Full PDB file with SEQRES, HELIX, SHEET, SSBOND, CRYST1, ORIGX, SCALE, CONECT and MASTER records, all heavy atoms in Angstrom:
SEQRES   1 A   41  TYR PHE SER LYS ILE ASN GLU ALA VAL VAL LYS GLY TRP          
SEQRES   2 A   41  LYS LYS HIS LYS ARG ILE THR GLN ASN PHE CYS VAL PRO          
SEQRES   3 A   41  PHE GLY ALA VAL LYS ILE VAL ILE TYR ASP ASP ARG LYS          
SEQRES   4 A   41  ASP SER                                                      
CRYST1    1.000    1.000    1.000  90.00  90.00  90.00 P 1           1          
ORIGX1      1.000000  0.000000  0.000000        0.00000                         
ORIGX2      0.000000  1.000000  0.000000        0.00000                         
ORIGX3      0.000000  0.000000  1.000000        0.00000                         
SCALE1      1.000000  0.000000  0.000000        0.00000                         
SCALE2      0.000000  1.000000  0.000000        0.00000                         
SCALE3      0.000000  0.000000  1.000000        0.00000                         
ATOM      1  N   TYR A   1      95.910 113.063  80.321  1.00  0.00           N  
ATOM      2  CA  TYR A   1      96.608 113.079  79.044  1.00  0.00           C  
ATOM      3  C   TYR A   1      97.383 114.374  78.863  1.00  0.00           C  
ATOM      4  O   TYR A   1      97.238 115.359  79.544  1.00  0.00           O  
ATOM      5  CB  TYR A   1      95.634 112.862  77.807  1.00  0.00           C  
ATOM      6  CG  TYR A   1      94.626 113.930  77.642  1.00  0.00           C  
ATOM      7  CD1 TYR A   1      94.901 115.050  76.830  1.00  0.00           C  
ATOM      8  CD2 TYR A   1      93.378 113.853  78.285  1.00  0.00           C  
ATOM      9  CE1 TYR A   1      93.955 116.045  76.638  1.00  0.00           C  
ATOM     10  CE2 TYR A   1      92.455 114.833  77.992  1.00  0.00           C  
ATOM     11  CZ  TYR A   1      92.748 115.924  77.244  1.00  0.00           C  
ATOM     12  OH  TYR A   1      91.788 116.923  77.062  1.00  0.00           O  
ATOM     13  N   PHE A   2      98.316 114.364  77.913  1.00  0.00           N  
ATOM     14  CA  PHE A   2      99.153 115.546  77.525  1.00  0.00           C  
ATOM     15  C   PHE A   2      98.906 115.875  76.083  1.00  0.00           C  
ATOM     16  O   PHE A   2      98.720 115.015  75.249  1.00  0.00           O  
ATOM     17  CB  PHE A   2     100.622 115.159  77.684  1.00  0.00           C  
ATOM     18  CG  PHE A   2     101.011 114.785  79.062  1.00  0.00           C  
ATOM     19  CD1 PHE A   2     101.059 113.451  79.438  1.00  0.00           C  
ATOM     20  CD2 PHE A   2     101.345 115.689  80.053  1.00  0.00           C  
ATOM     21  CE1 PHE A   2     101.392 113.045  80.744  1.00  0.00           C  
ATOM     22  CE2 PHE A   2     101.701 115.353  81.298  1.00  0.00           C  
ATOM     23  CZ  PHE A   2     101.745 113.991  81.679  1.00  0.00           C  
ATOM     24  N   SER A   3      98.857 117.199  75.821  1.00  0.00           N  
ATOM     25  CA  SER A   3      98.856 117.739  74.404  1.00  0.00           C  
ATOM     26  C   SER A   3     100.135 118.421  74.196  1.00  0.00           C  
ATOM     27  O   SER A   3     100.456 119.404  74.868  1.00  0.00           O  
ATOM     28  CB  SER A   3      97.644 118.712  74.302  1.00  0.00           C  
ATOM     29  OG  SER A   3      96.467 118.097  74.401  1.00  0.00           O  
ATOM     30  N   LYS A   4     100.867 117.967  73.207  1.00  0.00           N  
ATOM     31  CA  LYS A   4     102.039 118.664  72.772  1.00  0.00           C  
ATOM     32  C   LYS A   4     101.613 119.664  71.726  1.00  0.00           C  
ATOM     33  O   LYS A   4     100.928 119.358  70.787  1.00  0.00           O  
ATOM     34  CB  LYS A   4     103.091 117.733  72.120  1.00  0.00           C  
ATOM     35  CG  LYS A   4     104.333 118.419  71.671  1.00  0.00           C  
ATOM     36  CD  LYS A   4     105.307 117.414  71.034  1.00  0.00           C  
ATOM     37  CE  LYS A   4     106.572 118.128  70.583  1.00  0.00           C  
ATOM     38  NZ  LYS A   4     107.513 117.155  69.934  1.00  0.00           N  
ATOM     39  N   ILE A   5     101.938 120.950  71.920  1.00  0.00           N  
ATOM     40  CA  ILE A   5     101.482 122.015  71.081  1.00  0.00           C  
ATOM     41  C   ILE A   5     102.777 122.726  70.479  1.00  0.00           C  
ATOM     42  O   ILE A   5     103.651 123.134  71.205  1.00  0.00           O  
ATOM     43  CB  ILE A   5     100.673 123.095  71.833  1.00  0.00           C  
ATOM     44  CG1 ILE A   5      99.645 122.387  72.784  1.00  0.00           C  
ATOM     45  CG2 ILE A   5     100.005 124.082  70.902  1.00  0.00           C  
ATOM     46  CD1 ILE A   5      99.248 123.200  73.933  1.00  0.00           C  
ATOM     47  N   ASN A   6     102.782 122.732  69.180  1.00  0.00           N  
ATOM     48  CA  ASN A   6     103.914 123.375  68.553  1.00  0.00           C  
ATOM     49  C   ASN A   6     103.836 124.896  68.595  1.00  0.00           C  
ATOM     50  O   ASN A   6     102.786 125.438  68.718  1.00  0.00           O  
ATOM     51  CB  ASN A   6     104.038 122.892  67.053  1.00  0.00           C  
ATOM     52  CG  ASN A   6     104.439 121.416  67.023  1.00  0.00           C  
ATOM     53  OD1 ASN A   6     105.100 120.912  67.894  1.00  0.00           O  
ATOM     54  ND2 ASN A   6     103.957 120.719  66.004  1.00  0.00           N  
ATOM     55  N   GLU A   7     104.969 125.543  68.468  1.00  0.00           N  
ATOM     56  CA  GLU A   7     105.054 126.935  68.631  1.00  0.00           C  
ATOM     57  C   GLU A   7     104.089 127.728  67.708  1.00  0.00           C  
ATOM     58  O   GLU A   7     103.956 127.419  66.508  1.00  0.00           O  
ATOM     59  CB  GLU A   7     106.515 127.441  68.205  1.00  0.00           C  
ATOM     60  CG  GLU A   7     106.761 128.868  68.265  1.00  0.00           C  
ATOM     61  CD  GLU A   7     108.239 129.180  67.982  1.00  0.00           C  
ATOM     62  OE1 GLU A   7     109.102 128.312  67.892  1.00  0.00           O  
ATOM     63  OE2 GLU A   7     108.509 130.431  67.794  1.00  0.00           O  
ATOM     64  N   ALA A   8     103.337 128.621  68.280  1.00  0.00           N  
ATOM     65  CA  ALA A   8     102.369 129.467  67.609  1.00  0.00           C  
ATOM     66  C   ALA A   8     101.141 128.758  67.063  1.00  0.00           C  
ATOM     67  O   ALA A   8     100.272 129.314  66.436  1.00  0.00           O  
ATOM     68  CB  ALA A   8     103.013 130.278  66.444  1.00  0.00           C  
ATOM     69  N   VAL A   9     100.936 127.505  67.420  1.00  0.00           N  
ATOM     70  CA  VAL A   9      99.784 126.696  66.927  1.00  0.00           C  
ATOM     71  C   VAL A   9      98.658 126.936  67.955  1.00  0.00           C  
ATOM     72  O   VAL A   9      98.810 126.926  69.144  1.00  0.00           O  
ATOM     73  CB  VAL A   9     100.133 125.221  66.854  1.00  0.00           C  
ATOM     74  CG1 VAL A   9      98.852 124.428  66.593  1.00  0.00           C  
ATOM     75  CG2 VAL A   9     101.116 124.994  65.673  1.00  0.00           C  
ATOM     76  N   VAL A  10      97.448 127.121  67.391  1.00  0.00           N  
ATOM     77  CA  VAL A  10      96.213 127.285  68.205  1.00  0.00           C  
ATOM     78  C   VAL A  10      95.366 126.071  68.060  1.00  0.00           C  
ATOM     79  O   VAL A  10      95.122 125.589  66.956  1.00  0.00           O  
ATOM     80  CB  VAL A  10      95.427 128.515  67.782  1.00  0.00           C  
ATOM     81  CG1 VAL A  10      94.216 128.702  68.661  1.00  0.00           C  
ATOM     82  CG2 VAL A  10      96.298 129.792  67.866  1.00  0.00           C  
ATOM     83  N   LYS A  11      94.912 125.552  69.204  1.00  0.00           N  
ATOM     84  CA  LYS A  11      94.003 124.366  69.215  1.00  0.00           C  
ATOM     85  C   LYS A  11      92.674 124.840  69.827  1.00  0.00           C  
ATOM     86  O   LYS A  11      92.651 125.581  70.738  1.00  0.00           O  
ATOM     87  CB  LYS A  11      94.570 123.201  69.953  1.00  0.00           C  
ATOM     88  CG  LYS A  11      95.785 122.578  69.248  1.00  0.00           C  
ATOM     89  CD  LYS A  11      96.232 121.325  69.955  1.00  0.00           C  
ATOM     90  CE  LYS A  11      97.399 120.646  69.324  1.00  0.00           C  
ATOM     91  NZ  LYS A  11      97.734 119.389  69.878  1.00  0.00           N  
ATOM     92  N   GLY A  12      91.569 124.261  69.420  1.00  0.00           N  
ATOM     93  CA  GLY A  12      90.230 124.629  69.931  1.00  0.00           C  
ATOM     94  C   GLY A  12      89.371 125.157  68.833  1.00  0.00           C  
ATOM     95  O   GLY A  12      89.780 125.071  67.666  1.00  0.00           O  
ATOM     96  N   TRP A  13      88.256 125.601  69.099  1.00  0.00           N  
ATOM     97  CA  TRP A  13      87.511 125.766  70.404  1.00  0.00           C  
ATOM     98  C   TRP A  13      86.812 124.361  70.629  1.00  0.00           C  
ATOM     99  O   TRP A  13      86.419 123.670  69.812  1.00  0.00           O  
ATOM    100  CB  TRP A  13      86.393 126.784  70.143  1.00  0.00           C  
ATOM    101  CG  TRP A  13      86.859 128.079  70.031  1.00  0.00           C  
ATOM    102  CD1 TRP A  13      87.071 128.782  68.839  1.00  0.00           C  
ATOM    103  CD2 TRP A  13      87.300 129.013  71.081  1.00  0.00           C  
ATOM    104  NE1 TRP A  13      87.556 130.080  69.139  1.00  0.00           N  
ATOM    105  CE2 TRP A  13      87.702 130.241  70.485  1.00  0.00           C  
ATOM    106  CE3 TRP A  13      87.423 128.890  72.497  1.00  0.00           C  
ATOM    107  CZ2 TRP A  13      88.181 131.322  71.223  1.00  0.00           C  
ATOM    108  CZ3 TRP A  13      87.844 129.924  73.189  1.00  0.00           C  
ATOM    109  CH2 TRP A  13      88.210 131.166  72.572  1.00  0.00           C  
ATOM    110  N   LYS A  14      86.743 124.136  71.953  1.00  0.00           N  
ATOM    111  CA  LYS A  14      86.065 122.931  72.451  1.00  0.00           C  
ATOM    112  C   LYS A  14      85.300 123.217  73.736  1.00  0.00           C  
ATOM    113  O   LYS A  14      85.650 124.066  74.526  1.00  0.00           O  
ATOM    114  CB  LYS A  14      87.088 121.805  72.736  1.00  0.00           C  
ATOM    115  CG  LYS A  14      86.500 120.405  72.913  1.00  0.00           C  
ATOM    116  CD  LYS A  14      87.623 119.364  72.814  1.00  0.00           C  
ATOM    117  CE  LYS A  14      87.108 118.008  72.754  1.00  0.00           C  
ATOM    118  NZ  LYS A  14      88.040 116.996  72.555  1.00  0.00           N  
ATOM    119  N   LYS A  15      84.232 122.426  73.925  1.00  0.00           N  
ATOM    120  CA  LYS A  15      83.353 122.599  75.051  1.00  0.00           C  
ATOM    121  C   LYS A  15      82.963 121.187  75.489  1.00  0.00           C  
ATOM    122  O   LYS A  15      82.318 120.420  74.637  1.00  0.00           O  
ATOM    123  CB  LYS A  15      82.214 123.481  74.825  1.00  0.00           C  
ATOM    124  CG  LYS A  15      81.170 123.543  75.973  1.00  0.00           C  
ATOM    125  CD  LYS A  15      80.070 124.591  75.724  1.00  0.00           C  
ATOM    126  CE  LYS A  15      79.110 124.276  74.612  1.00  0.00           C  
ATOM    127  NZ  LYS A  15      77.976 125.165  74.494  1.00  0.00           N  
ATOM    128  N   HIS A  16      83.125 120.833  76.744  1.00  0.00           N  
ATOM    129  CA  HIS A  16      82.689 119.539  77.243  1.00  0.00           C  
ATOM    130  C   HIS A  16      81.292 119.662  77.898  1.00  0.00           C  
ATOM    131  O   HIS A  16      81.110 120.678  78.600  1.00  0.00           O  
ATOM    132  CB  HIS A  16      83.697 118.958  78.214  1.00  0.00           C  
ATOM    133  CG  HIS A  16      84.868 118.443  77.509  1.00  0.00           C  
ATOM    134  ND1 HIS A  16      84.995 117.204  76.910  1.00  0.00           N  
ATOM    135  CD2 HIS A  16      86.124 118.964  77.270  1.00  0.00           C  
ATOM    136  CE1 HIS A  16      86.100 116.975  76.360  1.00  0.00           C  
ATOM    137  NE2 HIS A  16      86.839 118.025  76.584  1.00  0.00           N  
ATOM    138  N   LYS A  17      80.421 118.709  77.760  1.00  0.00           N  
ATOM    139  CA  LYS A  17      79.082 118.747  78.329  1.00  0.00           C  
ATOM    140  C   LYS A  17      79.077 118.370  79.798  1.00  0.00           C  
ATOM    141  O   LYS A  17      78.324 118.889  80.538  1.00  0.00           O  
ATOM    142  CB  LYS A  17      78.147 117.929  77.549  1.00  0.00           C  
ATOM    143  CG  LYS A  17      78.072 118.356  76.045  1.00  0.00           C  
ATOM    144  CD  LYS A  17      77.243 117.382  75.220  1.00  0.00           C  
ATOM    145  CE  LYS A  17      77.299 117.816  73.805  1.00  0.00           C  
ATOM    146  NZ  LYS A  17      76.781 116.797  72.860  1.00  0.00           N  
ATOM    147  N   ARG A  18      79.973 117.432  80.193  1.00  0.00           N  
ATOM    148  CA  ARG A  18      79.966 116.914  81.557  1.00  0.00           C  
ATOM    149  C   ARG A  18      81.333 117.024  82.226  1.00  0.00           C  
ATOM    150  O   ARG A  18      81.396 117.012  83.461  1.00  0.00           O  
ATOM    151  CB  ARG A  18      79.564 115.451  81.587  1.00  0.00           C  
ATOM    152  CG  ARG A  18      78.193 115.119  81.150  1.00  0.00           C  
ATOM    153  CD  ARG A  18      77.806 113.637  81.229  1.00  0.00           C  
ATOM    154  NE  ARG A  18      78.834 112.759  80.672  1.00  0.00           N  
ATOM    155  CZ  ARG A  18      78.812 112.315  79.398  1.00  0.00           C  
ATOM    156  NH1 ARG A  18      77.843 112.622  78.582  1.00  0.00           N  
ATOM    157  NH2 ARG A  18      79.750 111.492  78.975  1.00  0.00           N  
ATOM    158  N   ILE A  19      82.400 117.118  81.463  1.00  0.00           N  
ATOM    159  CA  ILE A  19      83.759 116.946  81.996  1.00  0.00           C  
ATOM    160  C   ILE A  19      84.322 118.260  82.475  1.00  0.00           C  
ATOM    161  O   ILE A  19      84.171 119.294  81.821  1.00  0.00           O  
ATOM    162  CB  ILE A  19      84.704 116.315  80.881  1.00  0.00           C  
ATOM    163  CG1 ILE A  19      84.330 114.882  80.619  1.00  0.00           C  
ATOM    164  CG2 ILE A  19      86.140 116.514  81.273  1.00  0.00           C  
ATOM    165  CD1 ILE A  19      85.092 114.265  79.530  1.00  0.00           C  
ATOM    166  N   THR A  20      85.027 118.226  83.637  1.00  0.00           N  
ATOM    167  CA  THR A  20      85.791 119.274  84.159  1.00  0.00           C  
ATOM    168  C   THR A  20      87.237 119.122  83.726  1.00  0.00           C  
ATOM    169  O   THR A  20      87.757 118.086  83.841  1.00  0.00           O  
ATOM    170  CB  THR A  20      85.762 119.367  85.738  1.00  0.00           C  
ATOM    171  OG1 THR A  20      84.391 119.570  86.122  1.00  0.00           O  
ATOM    172  CG2 THR A  20      86.624 120.436  86.295  1.00  0.00           C  
ATOM    173  N   GLN A  21      87.796 120.247  83.134  1.00  0.00           N  
ATOM    174  CA  GLN A  21      89.215 120.186  82.714  1.00  0.00           C  
ATOM    175  C   GLN A  21      90.073 120.662  83.879  1.00  0.00           C  
ATOM    176  O   GLN A  21      89.741 121.648  84.543  1.00  0.00           O  
ATOM    177  CB  GLN A  21      89.413 121.213  81.483  1.00  0.00           C  
ATOM    178  CG  GLN A  21      88.437 121.071  80.436  1.00  0.00           C  
ATOM    179  CD  GLN A  21      88.576 119.750  79.638  1.00  0.00           C  
ATOM    180  OE1 GLN A  21      89.703 119.411  79.202  1.00  0.00           O  
ATOM    181  NE2 GLN A  21      87.475 119.024  79.515  1.00  0.00           N  
ATOM    182  N   ASN A  22      91.244 120.095  84.001  1.00  0.00           N  
ATOM    183  CA  ASN A  22      92.233 120.458  84.985  1.00  0.00           C  
ATOM    184  C   ASN A  22      93.569 120.622  84.258  1.00  0.00           C  
ATOM    185  O   ASN A  22      94.337 119.709  84.180  1.00  0.00           O  
ATOM    186  CB  ASN A  22      92.393 119.518  86.136  1.00  0.00           C  
ATOM    187  CG  ASN A  22      91.144 119.535  87.026  1.00  0.00           C  
ATOM    188  OD1 ASN A  22      90.948 120.475  87.775  1.00  0.00           O  
ATOM    189  ND2 ASN A  22      90.295 118.491  86.922  1.00  0.00           N  
ATOM    190  N   PHE A  23      93.823 121.828  83.723  1.00  0.00           N  
ATOM    191  CA  PHE A  23      95.020 122.151  82.881  1.00  0.00           C  
ATOM    192  C   PHE A  23      96.166 122.575  83.743  1.00  0.00           C  
ATOM    193  O   PHE A  23      96.027 123.344  84.716  1.00  0.00           O  
ATOM    194  CB  PHE A  23      94.690 123.302  81.922  1.00  0.00           C  
ATOM    195  CG  PHE A  23      93.635 122.957  80.870  1.00  0.00           C  
ATOM    196  CD1 PHE A  23      92.584 123.868  80.776  1.00  0.00           C  
ATOM    197  CD2 PHE A  23      93.726 121.918  80.087  1.00  0.00           C  
ATOM    198  CE1 PHE A  23      91.572 123.567  79.754  1.00  0.00           C  
ATOM    199  CE2 PHE A  23      92.789 121.663  79.113  1.00  0.00           C  
ATOM    200  CZ  PHE A  23      91.676 122.530  78.991  1.00  0.00           C  
ATOM    201  N   CYS A  24      97.358 122.141  83.342  1.00  0.00           N  
ATOM    202  CA  CYS A  24      98.660 122.520  83.854  1.00  0.00           C  
ATOM    203  C   CYS A  24      99.730 122.470  82.774  1.00  0.00           C  
ATOM    204  O   CYS A  24      99.561 121.656  81.855  1.00  0.00           O  
ATOM    205  CB  CYS A  24      98.962 121.558  85.015  1.00  0.00           C  
ATOM    206  SG  CYS A  24     100.549 121.763  85.738  1.00  0.00           S  
ATOM    207  N   VAL A  25     100.698 123.304  82.838  1.00  0.00           N  
ATOM    208  CA  VAL A  25     101.685 123.362  81.754  1.00  0.00           C  
ATOM    209  C   VAL A  25     103.052 123.060  82.440  1.00  0.00           C  
ATOM    210  O   VAL A  25     103.691 123.946  83.017  1.00  0.00           O  
ATOM    211  CB  VAL A  25     101.751 124.693  81.015  1.00  0.00           C  
ATOM    212  CG1 VAL A  25     102.841 124.710  80.016  1.00  0.00           C  
ATOM    213  CG2 VAL A  25     100.395 124.941  80.327  1.00  0.00           C  
ATOM    214  N   PRO A  26     103.480 121.776  82.364  1.00  0.00           N  
ATOM    215  CA  PRO A  26     104.792 121.395  82.994  1.00  0.00           C  
ATOM    216  C   PRO A  26     106.073 121.767  82.116  1.00  0.00           C  
ATOM    217  O   PRO A  26     107.158 121.632  82.560  1.00  0.00           O  
ATOM    218  CB  PRO A  26     104.658 119.959  83.214  1.00  0.00           C  
ATOM    219  CG  PRO A  26     103.766 119.443  82.127  1.00  0.00           C  
ATOM    220  CD  PRO A  26     102.751 120.624  81.945  1.00  0.00           C  
ATOM    221  N   PHE A  27     105.753 122.105  80.882  1.00  0.00           N  
ATOM    222  CA  PHE A  27     106.931 122.440  79.951  1.00  0.00           C  
ATOM    223  C   PHE A  27     106.479 123.459  78.967  1.00  0.00           C  
ATOM    224  O   PHE A  27     105.476 123.316  78.287  1.00  0.00           O  
ATOM    225  CB  PHE A  27     107.371 121.166  79.266  1.00  0.00           C  
ATOM    226  CG  PHE A  27     108.514 121.485  78.251  1.00  0.00           C  
ATOM    227  CD1 PHE A  27     109.813 121.489  78.744  1.00  0.00           C  
ATOM    228  CD2 PHE A  27     108.256 121.748  76.908  1.00  0.00           C  
ATOM    229  CE1 PHE A  27     110.880 121.745  77.822  1.00  0.00           C  
ATOM    230  CE2 PHE A  27     109.296 122.032  76.015  1.00  0.00           C  
ATOM    231  CZ  PHE A  27     110.572 122.038  76.515  1.00  0.00           C  
ATOM    232  N   GLY A  28     107.103 124.646  78.946  1.00  0.00           N  
ATOM    233  CA  GLY A  28     106.832 125.699  77.928  1.00  0.00           C  
ATOM    234  C   GLY A  28     105.828 126.658  78.486  1.00  0.00           C  
ATOM    235  O   GLY A  28     105.610 126.796  79.715  1.00  0.00           O  
ATOM    236  N   ALA A  29     105.140 127.380  77.530  1.00  0.00           N  
ATOM    237  CA  ALA A  29     104.147 128.361  77.910  1.00  0.00           C  
ATOM    238  C   ALA A  29     102.940 128.288  76.961  1.00  0.00           C  
ATOM    239  O   ALA A  29     103.080 128.157  75.751  1.00  0.00           O  
ATOM    240  CB  ALA A  29     104.745 129.777  77.844  1.00  0.00           C  
ATOM    241  N   VAL A  30     101.783 128.370  77.545  1.00  0.00           N  
ATOM    242  CA  VAL A  30     100.547 128.188  76.814  1.00  0.00           C  
ATOM    243  C   VAL A  30      99.565 129.312  77.215  1.00  0.00           C  
ATOM    244  O   VAL A  30      99.344 129.529  78.385  1.00  0.00           O  
ATOM    245  CB  VAL A  30      99.842 126.832  77.062  1.00  0.00           C  
ATOM    246  CG1 VAL A  30      98.511 126.711  76.358  1.00  0.00           C  
ATOM    247  CG2 VAL A  30     100.755 125.683  76.655  1.00  0.00           C  
ATOM    248  N   LYS A  31      98.982 129.940  76.202  1.00  0.00           N  
ATOM    249  CA  LYS A  31      97.875 130.936  76.490  1.00  0.00           C  
ATOM    250  C   LYS A  31      96.578 130.135  76.313  1.00  0.00           C  
ATOM    251  O   LYS A  31      96.345 129.516  75.305  1.00  0.00           O  
ATOM    252  CB  LYS A  31      97.975 132.064  75.517  1.00  0.00           C  
ATOM    253  CG  LYS A  31      96.812 133.039  75.642  1.00  0.00           C  
ATOM    254  CD  LYS A  31      96.991 134.165  74.570  1.00  0.00           C  
ATOM    255  CE  LYS A  31      95.928 135.183  74.627  1.00  0.00           C  
ATOM    256  NZ  LYS A  31      96.197 136.246  73.636  1.00  0.00           N  
ATOM    257  N   ILE A  32      95.739 130.206  77.354  1.00  0.00           N  
ATOM    258  CA  ILE A  32      94.462 129.529  77.295  1.00  0.00           C  
ATOM    259  C   ILE A  32      93.425 130.595  77.394  1.00  0.00           C  
ATOM    260  O   ILE A  32      93.404 131.453  78.261  1.00  0.00           O  
ATOM    261  CB  ILE A  32      94.291 128.527  78.501  1.00  0.00           C  
ATOM    262  CG1 ILE A  32      95.400 127.478  78.520  1.00  0.00           C  
ATOM    263  CG2 ILE A  32      92.913 127.856  78.415  1.00  0.00           C  
ATOM    264  CD1 ILE A  32      95.473 126.537  79.677  1.00  0.00           C  
ATOM    265  N   VAL A  33      92.406 130.492  76.461  1.00  0.00           N  
ATOM    266  CA  VAL A  33      91.288 131.463  76.391  1.00  0.00           C  
ATOM    267  C   VAL A  33      90.052 130.666  76.669  1.00  0.00           C  
ATOM    268  O   VAL A  33      89.843 129.594  76.147  1.00  0.00           O  
ATOM    269  CB  VAL A  33      91.206 132.126  75.052  1.00  0.00           C  
ATOM    270  CG1 VAL A  33      89.965 133.092  75.042  1.00  0.00           C  
ATOM    271  CG2 VAL A  33      92.457 132.919  74.848  1.00  0.00           C  
ATOM    272  N   ILE A  34      89.200 131.123  77.636  1.00  0.00           N  
ATOM    273  CA  ILE A  34      87.920 130.474  77.868  1.00  0.00           C  
ATOM    274  C   ILE A  34      86.746 131.490  77.685  1.00  0.00           C  
ATOM    275  O   ILE A  34      86.966 132.688  77.821  1.00  0.00           O  
ATOM    276  CB  ILE A  34      87.906 129.828  79.242  1.00  0.00           C  
ATOM    277  CG1 ILE A  34      88.136 130.855  80.400  1.00  0.00           C  
ATOM    278  CG2 ILE A  34      88.916 128.661  79.410  1.00  0.00           C  
ATOM    279  CD1 ILE A  34      88.034 130.283  81.738  1.00  0.00           C  
ATOM    280  N   TYR A  35      85.656 130.895  77.255  1.00  0.00           N  
ATOM    281  CA  TYR A  35      84.476 131.761  76.995  1.00  0.00           C  
ATOM    282  C   TYR A  35      83.260 131.063  77.570  1.00  0.00           C  
ATOM    283  O   TYR A  35      82.992 129.911  77.346  1.00  0.00           O  
ATOM    284  CB  TYR A  35      84.298 131.916  75.433  1.00  0.00           C  
ATOM    285  CG  TYR A  35      82.997 132.519  75.031  1.00  0.00           C  
ATOM    286  CD1 TYR A  35      82.626 133.760  75.470  1.00  0.00           C  
ATOM    287  CD2 TYR A  35      82.076 131.779  74.245  1.00  0.00           C  
ATOM    288  CE1 TYR A  35      81.399 134.320  75.091  1.00  0.00           C  
ATOM    289  CE2 TYR A  35      80.874 132.368  73.929  1.00  0.00           C  
ATOM    290  CZ  TYR A  35      80.541 133.602  74.333  1.00  0.00           C  
ATOM    291  OH  TYR A  35      79.358 134.166  73.967  1.00  0.00           O  
ATOM    292  N   ASP A  36      82.493 131.906  78.265  1.00  0.00           N  
ATOM    293  CA  ASP A  36      81.250 131.395  78.967  1.00  0.00           C  
ATOM    294  C   ASP A  36      79.973 131.799  78.157  1.00  0.00           C  
ATOM    295  O   ASP A  36      79.606 132.955  78.151  1.00  0.00           O  
ATOM    296  CB  ASP A  36      81.220 132.056  80.363  1.00  0.00           C  
ATOM    297  CG  ASP A  36      80.090 131.485  81.249  1.00  0.00           C  
ATOM    298  OD1 ASP A  36      79.320 130.583  80.703  1.00  0.00           O  
ATOM    299  OD2 ASP A  36      79.964 131.895  82.380  1.00  0.00           O  
ATOM    300  N   ASP A  37      79.390 130.799  77.525  1.00  0.00           N  
ATOM    301  CA  ASP A  37      78.100 131.060  76.798  1.00  0.00           C  
ATOM    302  C   ASP A  37      76.964 130.408  77.521  1.00  0.00           C  
ATOM    303  O   ASP A  37      75.890 130.281  76.988  1.00  0.00           O  
ATOM    304  CB  ASP A  37      78.204 130.682  75.337  1.00  0.00           C  
ATOM    305  CG  ASP A  37      78.192 129.097  75.139  1.00  0.00           C  
ATOM    306  OD1 ASP A  37      78.418 128.366  76.065  1.00  0.00           O  
ATOM    307  OD2 ASP A  37      77.914 128.718  73.994  1.00  0.00           O  
ATOM    308  N   ARG A  38      77.128 130.028  78.772  1.00  0.00           N  
ATOM    309  CA  ARG A  38      76.046 129.405  79.527  1.00  0.00           C  
ATOM    310  C   ARG A  38      75.019 130.486  79.865  1.00  0.00           C  
ATOM    311  O   ARG A  38      75.308 131.516  80.510  1.00  0.00           O  
ATOM    312  CB  ARG A  38      76.611 128.826  80.812  1.00  0.00           C  
ATOM    313  CG  ARG A  38      77.618 127.711  80.628  1.00  0.00           C  
ATOM    314  CD  ARG A  38      78.271 127.312  81.922  1.00  0.00           C  
ATOM    315  NE  ARG A  38      79.096 128.390  82.419  1.00  0.00           N  
ATOM    316  CZ  ARG A  38      79.734 128.380  83.576  1.00  0.00           C  
ATOM    317  NH1 ARG A  38      79.700 127.345  84.355  1.00  0.00           N  
ATOM    318  NH2 ARG A  38      80.512 129.435  83.945  1.00  0.00           N  
ATOM    319  N   LYS A  39      73.772 130.214  79.428  1.00  0.00           N  
ATOM    320  CA  LYS A  39      72.721 131.245  79.534  1.00  0.00           C  
ATOM    321  C   LYS A  39      72.413 131.547  81.049  1.00  0.00           C  
ATOM    322  O   LYS A  39      72.046 132.693  81.360  1.00  0.00           O  
ATOM    323  CB  LYS A  39      71.417 130.748  78.857  1.00  0.00           C  
ATOM    324  CG  LYS A  39      71.649 130.402  77.383  1.00  0.00           C  
ATOM    325  CD  LYS A  39      71.877 131.657  76.561  1.00  0.00           C  
ATOM    326  CE  LYS A  39      71.914 131.308  75.095  1.00  0.00           C  
ATOM    327  NZ  LYS A  39      73.253 131.350  74.474  1.00  0.00           N  
ATOM    328  N   ASP A  40      72.563 130.559  81.946  1.00  0.00           N  
ATOM    329  CA  ASP A  40      72.151 130.724  83.339  1.00  0.00           C  
ATOM    330  C   ASP A  40      73.351 131.149  84.161  1.00  0.00           C  
ATOM    331  O   ASP A  40      73.264 131.216  85.409  1.00  0.00           O  
ATOM    332  CB  ASP A  40      71.555 129.502  83.838  1.00  0.00           C  
ATOM    333  CG  ASP A  40      72.496 128.251  83.743  1.00  0.00           C  
ATOM    334  OD1 ASP A  40      73.508 128.314  83.019  1.00  0.00           O  
ATOM    335  OD2 ASP A  40      72.243 127.211  84.400  1.00  0.00           O  
ATOM    336  N   SER A  41      74.472 131.490  83.596  1.00  0.00           N  
ATOM    337  CA  SER A  41      75.651 131.854  84.333  1.00  0.00           C  
ATOM    338  C   SER A  41      75.682 133.380  84.544  1.00  0.00           C  
ATOM    339  O   SER A  41      75.361 134.162  83.729  1.00  0.00           O  
ATOM    340  CB  SER A  41      76.931 131.461  83.538  1.00  0.00           C  
ATOM    341  OG  SER A  41      78.067 132.000  84.135  1.00  0.00           O  
TER     342      SER A  41                                                      
MASTER        0    0    0    0    0    0    0    6  341    1    0    4          
END                                                                             
């Protein structure tokens, strides 16, 4: 799927329990922030 993100809009925070995300930006520029709260990591 694709997410259209308008200028200066922030989406999130989200965490999937089983799913691996594979992000790519084919149009524009996106800042992605990730945070690891896994206790065993």
